[in-house]
C-alpha cells in the first residue's frame, strides 16, 4: 500500500480510510463528553488528510471535507450529514496528546507502508516554517526526519523550543526515533551533523550515517584525506547527475559524483 494514495495522487480506498480512523481512535479524546457530535478519531483523520493535501487553515479544511463528504464520512466514522466546522477542528485539537499521536502514527505507518521490515534510510534536515510563529513571534525552526522511500516525514521537533541547535536536538530525540522506527538503519545529513558527540551516539545505537564534510571543518577534512589517500578509485554504485540543469563532475575518496547531490560507493 502506497502512502501516495493518502497524499492525493489517487483516491484512497474506504478500507484505507477506515484503518486510518481505527488507528487514530487510540489517541485519547480530550473533550468533555457533553455535547460531542463528531468522533475525535475522525476529526484527527480529516486534519491529517488535509495536511497531506497542503491545507493548513481550518476554514479551508471544512470546505474541502464538505466537497468530499460522500467519500470521507462513513469510513472515518462520521454519522452526520455535514463535516465539523472550523472552530470544532480548532477546539478539538487544542489539548490532545502529541506524544500519543506520534506513537499511533508510527504504528500505523509500519502497518501501512509496504516492505517496512527492510532497512530504511532517512534524511535529517532543519527548516524554518515562516508561516508559523513561536511565542516570541519568531518563525518556528523545525528539525525533520524524512523517509525518502515512503515520501513521508517520520517525525519533527521544534529546535526553537528546546533552545538548542539541530545536532543537539537530534541527539535528544534519537532514542525515541529509533525506538519507534527500528528499521531506520541510515541517517543522512549536511555538514552541520558531522560532529563527534552525535556520531558516537549513532554508533552506539547501531545506526549508520552519511554526513557531508566541508572545508570549514579543516581538522576533520584533513583526517579524512589522510585516511582515504590510498583508497582505490572506482565509480559509485548509484549516482545522481542533475538538479535544475546544473552538471558539475567531482571525484574523491574512491567515488565520483555530480553536485549538488552526492553518491557514495559501497
Protein backbone atom coordinates (compact mmCIF):
# COMPACT_ATOMS: atom_id res chain seq x y z
CA UNK A 1 0.00 0.00 0.00
CA UNK A 2 1.41 3.38 -1.02
CA UNK A 3 1.05 6.44 1.19
CA UNK A 4 0.82 8.49 -2.01
CA UNK A 5 -2.84 7.41 -2.11
CA UNK A 6 -3.41 9.45 1.05
CA UNK A 7 -1.46 12.40 -0.34
CA UNK A 8 -3.97 12.92 -3.10
CA UNK A 9 -2.16 11.27 -6.04
CA UNK A 10 -5.01 8.79 -6.27
CA UNK A 11 -8.27 8.28 -4.44
CA UNK A 12 -7.81 6.48 -1.10
CA UNK A 13 -9.99 3.42 -0.62
CA UNK A 14 -12.69 3.18 2.04
CA UNK A 15 -10.68 0.38 3.65
CA UNK A 16 -7.61 2.60 3.92
CA UNK A 17 -9.61 5.48 5.41
CA UNK A 18 -11.27 3.12 7.91
CA UNK A 19 -7.90 1.74 9.03
CA UNK A 20 -6.58 5.28 9.49
CA UNK A 21 -9.55 6.25 11.67
CA UNK A 22 -9.30 2.99 13.62
CA UNK A 23 -5.62 3.63 14.37
CA UNK A 24 -6.26 7.22 15.44
CA UNK A 25 -9.01 6.07 17.80
CA UNK A 26 -6.17 5.04 20.14
CA UNK A 27 -5.41 8.73 20.76
CA UNK A 28 -7.20 9.90 23.91
CA UNK A 29 -10.15 12.21 23.24
CA UNK A 30 -9.51 15.32 25.39
CA UNK A 31 -13.03 16.73 25.00
CA UNK A 32 -15.75 16.76 27.65
CA UNK A 33 -18.35 14.08 26.89
CA UNK A 34 -21.26 16.51 26.93
CA UNK A 35 -22.25 17.84 23.53
CA UNK A 36 -19.94 15.67 21.41
CA UNK A 37 -21.25 15.38 17.84
CA UNK A 38 -18.28 14.05 15.88
CA UNK A 39 -15.79 11.22 16.62
CA UNK A 40 -12.40 12.50 17.69
CA UNK A 41 -10.59 9.91 15.57
CA UNK A 42 -12.48 11.16 12.51
CA UNK A 43 -11.52 14.76 13.26
CA UNK A 44 -7.86 13.76 13.61
CA UNK A 45 -8.05 11.81 10.35
CA UNK A 46 -9.57 14.76 8.50
CA UNK A 47 -6.87 17.13 9.74
CA UNK A 48 -4.19 14.58 8.84
CA UNK A 49 -5.57 14.14 5.32
CA UNK A 50 -5.93 17.89 4.94
CA UNK A 51 -2.29 18.46 5.87
CA UNK A 52 -1.26 15.88 3.27
CA UNK A 53 -3.22 17.98 0.77
CA UNK A 54 -1.34 21.11 1.99
CA UNK A 55 -4.41 22.52 3.76
CA UNK A 56 -3.33 24.50 6.84
CA UNK A 57 -6.40 26.64 7.59
CA UNK A 58 -9.36 25.07 9.38
CA UNK A 59 -11.92 27.01 7.33
CA UNK A 60 -10.38 25.69 4.12
CA UNK A 61 -10.33 22.19 5.63
CA UNK A 62 -14.07 22.44 6.37
CA UNK A 63 -14.80 23.37 2.74
CA UNK A 64 -12.53 20.60 1.47
CA UNK A 65 -14.22 18.00 3.70
CA UNK A 66 -17.67 19.18 2.61
CA UNK A 67 -16.70 18.77 -1.05
CA UNK A 68 -15.62 15.15 -0.44
CA UNK A 69 -18.05 14.25 2.35
CA UNK A 70 -19.74 11.46 0.41
CA UNK A 71 -16.39 9.64 0.27
CA UNK A 72 -14.98 10.55 3.69
CA UNK A 73 -17.90 10.46 6.11
CA UNK A 74 -18.70 6.74 6.51
CA UNK A 75 -15.17 5.23 6.55
CA UNK A 76 -13.97 7.90 9.02
CA UNK A 77 -16.85 7.14 11.39
CA UNK A 78 -18.99 10.27 10.96
CA UNK A 79 -22.76 9.93 11.24
CA UNK A 80 -23.88 13.48 10.47
CA UNK A 81 -24.66 14.91 7.07
CA UNK A 82 -22.03 17.64 7.28
CA UNK A 83 -18.39 17.81 8.46
CA UNK A 84 -17.24 19.61 11.61
CA UNK A 85 -16.96 23.39 11.37
CA UNK A 86 -13.60 25.17 11.54
CA UNK A 87 -13.96 26.10 15.23
CA UNK A 88 -14.73 22.45 16.10
CA UNK A 89 -11.46 21.41 14.49
CA UNK A 90 -9.50 24.03 16.45
CA UNK A 91 -11.14 23.33 19.81
CA UNK A 92 -10.86 19.56 19.46
CA UNK A 93 -7.13 19.72 18.73
CA UNK A 94 -6.29 22.20 21.48
CA UNK A 95 -5.50 19.69 24.24
CA UNK A 96 -4.79 16.30 22.67
CA UNK A 97 -1.51 14.47 23.35
CA UNK A 98 1.05 14.94 20.60
CA UNK A 99 3.18 12.14 22.09
CA UNK A 100 0.24 9.74 21.83
CA UNK A 101 -0.29 10.79 18.23
CA UNK A 102 3.40 10.15 17.45
CA UNK A 103 3.16 6.61 18.81
CA UNK A 104 -0.07 5.85 16.96
CA UNK A 105 1.26 7.37 13.73
CA UNK A 106 4.43 5.26 13.92
CA UNK A 107 2.38 2.08 14.40
CA UNK A 108 0.02 3.00 11.55
CA UNK A 109 2.93 3.80 9.24
CA UNK A 110 4.65 0.49 9.97
CA UNK A 111 1.42 -1.33 9.14
CA UNK A 112 0.68 0.74 6.02
CA UNK A 113 3.93 1.16 4.14
CA UNK A 114 4.94 -1.94 2.12
CA UNK A 115 8.16 -3.78 2.92
CA UNK A 116 8.63 -1.76 6.10
CA UNK A 117 10.71 -4.56 7.59
CA UNK A 118 13.56 -3.66 5.23
CA UNK A 119 16.42 -1.36 6.20
CA UNK A 120 15.38 2.23 5.62
CA UNK A 121 17.32 5.48 5.10
CA UNK A 122 16.12 8.81 6.46
CA UNK A 123 17.29 12.34 5.72
CA UNK A 124 17.73 14.75 8.65
CA UNK A 125 17.32 18.45 7.93
CA UNK A 126 16.26 21.62 9.69
CA UNK A 127 13.73 24.00 8.16
CA UNK A 128 12.26 27.33 9.22
CA UNK A 129 8.47 27.47 8.99
CA UNK A 130 7.95 31.14 8.15
CA UNK A 131 4.17 30.82 8.27
CA UNK A 132 4.28 29.51 11.86
CA UNK A 133 5.42 31.73 14.74
CA UNK A 134 6.53 30.81 18.25
CA UNK A 135 5.55 32.61 21.45
CA UNK A 136 8.15 35.32 20.74
CA UNK A 137 6.78 35.96 17.26
CA UNK A 138 9.77 34.37 15.52
CA UNK A 139 9.45 31.75 12.75
CA UNK A 140 9.46 28.20 14.11
CA UNK A 141 12.65 26.26 13.42
CA UNK A 142 11.88 22.55 12.99
CA UNK A 143 14.13 19.51 12.72
CA UNK A 144 12.64 16.92 10.32
CA UNK A 145 13.39 13.27 9.62
CA UNK A 146 12.22 12.44 6.10
CA UNK A 147 11.87 8.90 4.79
CA UNK A 148 12.67 9.02 1.08
CA UNK A 149 11.24 5.66 0.07
CA UNK A 150 7.82 6.34 1.57
CA UNK A 151 7.95 10.11 0.86
CA UNK A 152 6.79 10.95 4.37
CA UNK A 153 8.15 12.79 7.41
CA UNK A 154 8.68 10.31 10.24
CA UNK A 155 8.93 12.94 12.96
CA UNK A 156 9.83 16.54 13.64
CA UNK A 157 10.78 18.61 16.66
CA UNK A 158 10.96 22.31 17.36
CA UNK A 159 14.58 23.38 17.70
CA UNK A 160 13.49 26.82 18.89
CA UNK A 161 11.53 25.48 21.87
CA UNK A 162 14.49 23.47 23.10
CA UNK A 163 16.91 26.44 22.85
CA UNK A 164 19.47 24.27 21.11
CA UNK A 165 20.87 23.54 17.65
CA UNK A 166 19.93 20.83 15.14
CA UNK A 167 22.59 18.22 16.08
CA UNK A 168 21.78 18.57 19.80
CA UNK A 169 18.06 18.23 19.06
CA UNK A 170 18.73 15.05 17.09
CA UNK A 171 20.79 13.66 19.98
CA UNK A 172 17.93 14.42 22.36
CA UNK A 173 15.31 12.62 20.26
CA UNK A 174 17.40 9.88 18.64
CA UNK A 175 16.45 7.17 21.14
CA UNK A 176 12.70 7.73 20.72
CA UNK A 177 13.11 7.94 16.92
CA UNK A 178 14.93 4.61 16.65
CA UNK A 179 12.57 3.02 19.16
CA UNK A 180 9.55 4.00 17.04
CA UNK A 181 11.28 3.01 13.79
CA UNK A 182 13.78 0.20 14.50
CA UNK A 183 14.14 -0.44 10.74
CA UNK A 184 15.71 3.02 10.30
CA UNK A 185 19.35 2.00 9.80
CA UNK A 186 20.83 5.00 7.96
CA UNK A 187 20.62 8.76 8.52
CA UNK A 188 21.91 11.30 6.02
CA UNK A 189 22.52 14.98 6.62
CA UNK A 190 24.59 18.01 5.70
CA UNK A 191 27.83 19.20 7.28
CA UNK A 192 26.28 20.52 10.50
CA UNK A 193 25.71 16.94 11.71
CA UNK A 194 29.32 15.81 11.23
CA UNK A 195 30.09 16.20 14.93
CA UNK A 196 31.87 13.66 17.10
CA UNK A 197 29.34 13.56 20.02
CA UNK A 198 26.42 12.88 17.67
CA UNK A 199 28.38 10.34 15.62
CA UNK A 200 29.39 8.46 18.79
CA UNK A 201 25.74 8.17 19.83
CA UNK A 202 24.78 6.93 16.36
CA UNK A 203 27.50 4.28 16.51
CA UNK A 204 26.35 3.17 19.96
CA UNK A 205 22.79 2.94 18.60
CA UNK A 206 23.96 0.76 15.69
CA UNK A 207 22.68 3.36 13.21
CA UNK A 208 24.75 4.12 10.12
CA UNK A 209 25.25 7.70 8.95
CA UNK A 210 26.31 9.66 5.86
CA UNK A 211 27.16 13.30 6.60
CA UNK A 212 28.79 15.85 4.34
CA UNK A 213 32.11 17.44 5.34
CA UNK A 214 33.11 20.92 4.13
CA UNK A 215 36.33 22.93 4.11
CA UNK A 216 35.30 24.88 7.20
CA UNK A 217 35.78 21.64 9.18
CA UNK A 218 39.50 21.61 8.45
CA UNK A 219 40.70 19.09 11.05
CA UNK A 220 38.05 16.54 10.14
CA UNK A 221 38.60 17.02 6.41
CA UNK A 222 42.38 16.58 6.78
CA UNK A 223 41.81 13.39 8.78
CA UNK A 224 39.56 12.04 6.00
CA UNK A 225 42.14 12.82 3.34
CA UNK A 226 44.80 11.00 5.37
CA UNK A 227 42.51 8.03 5.93
CA UNK A 228 41.48 7.63 2.29
CA UNK A 229 44.57 8.81 0.45
CA UNK A 230 45.46 5.27 -0.60
CA UNK A 231 41.89 4.22 -1.44
CA UNK A 232 41.33 2.80 -4.93
CA UNK A 233 39.25 4.97 -7.25
CA UNK A 234 36.13 3.40 -8.76
CA UNK A 235 32.69 4.57 -9.75
CA UNK A 236 29.83 4.53 -7.25
CA UNK A 237 27.00 2.03 -7.45
CA UNK A 238 24.44 4.86 -7.51
CA UNK A 239 24.78 8.35 -8.94
CA UNK A 240 22.60 11.45 -9.24
CA UNK A 241 23.69 13.70 -12.07
CA UNK A 242 21.43 16.72 -12.39
CA UNK A 243 19.44 19.27 -10.45
CA UNK A 244 17.90 22.36 -12.05
CA UNK A 245 20.08 21.85 -15.10
CA UNK A 246 23.39 22.01 -13.21
CA UNK A 247 26.07 19.48 -14.09
CA UNK A 248 29.50 19.52 -12.43
CA UNK A 249 31.69 16.45 -12.07
CA UNK A 250 33.81 15.87 -8.95
CA UNK A 251 35.89 12.97 -7.68
CA UNK A 252 37.20 11.86 -4.33
CA UNK A 253 37.67 9.07 -1.81
CA UNK A 254 37.09 6.19 -4.19
CA UNK A 255 33.98 7.59 -5.84
CA UNK A 256 32.82 10.07 -8.45
CA UNK A 257 29.76 12.23 -8.03
CA UNK A 258 27.84 15.13 -9.52
CA UNK A 259 26.90 18.19 -7.48
CA UNK A 260 24.75 19.24 -5.76
CA UNK A 261 23.82 15.62 -4.86
CA UNK A 262 26.46 13.22 -3.58
CA UNK A 263 26.74 9.48 -4.14
CA UNK A 264 28.93 7.08 -2.19
CA UNK A 265 30.23 3.74 -3.38
CA UNK A 266 29.94 0.78 -1.03
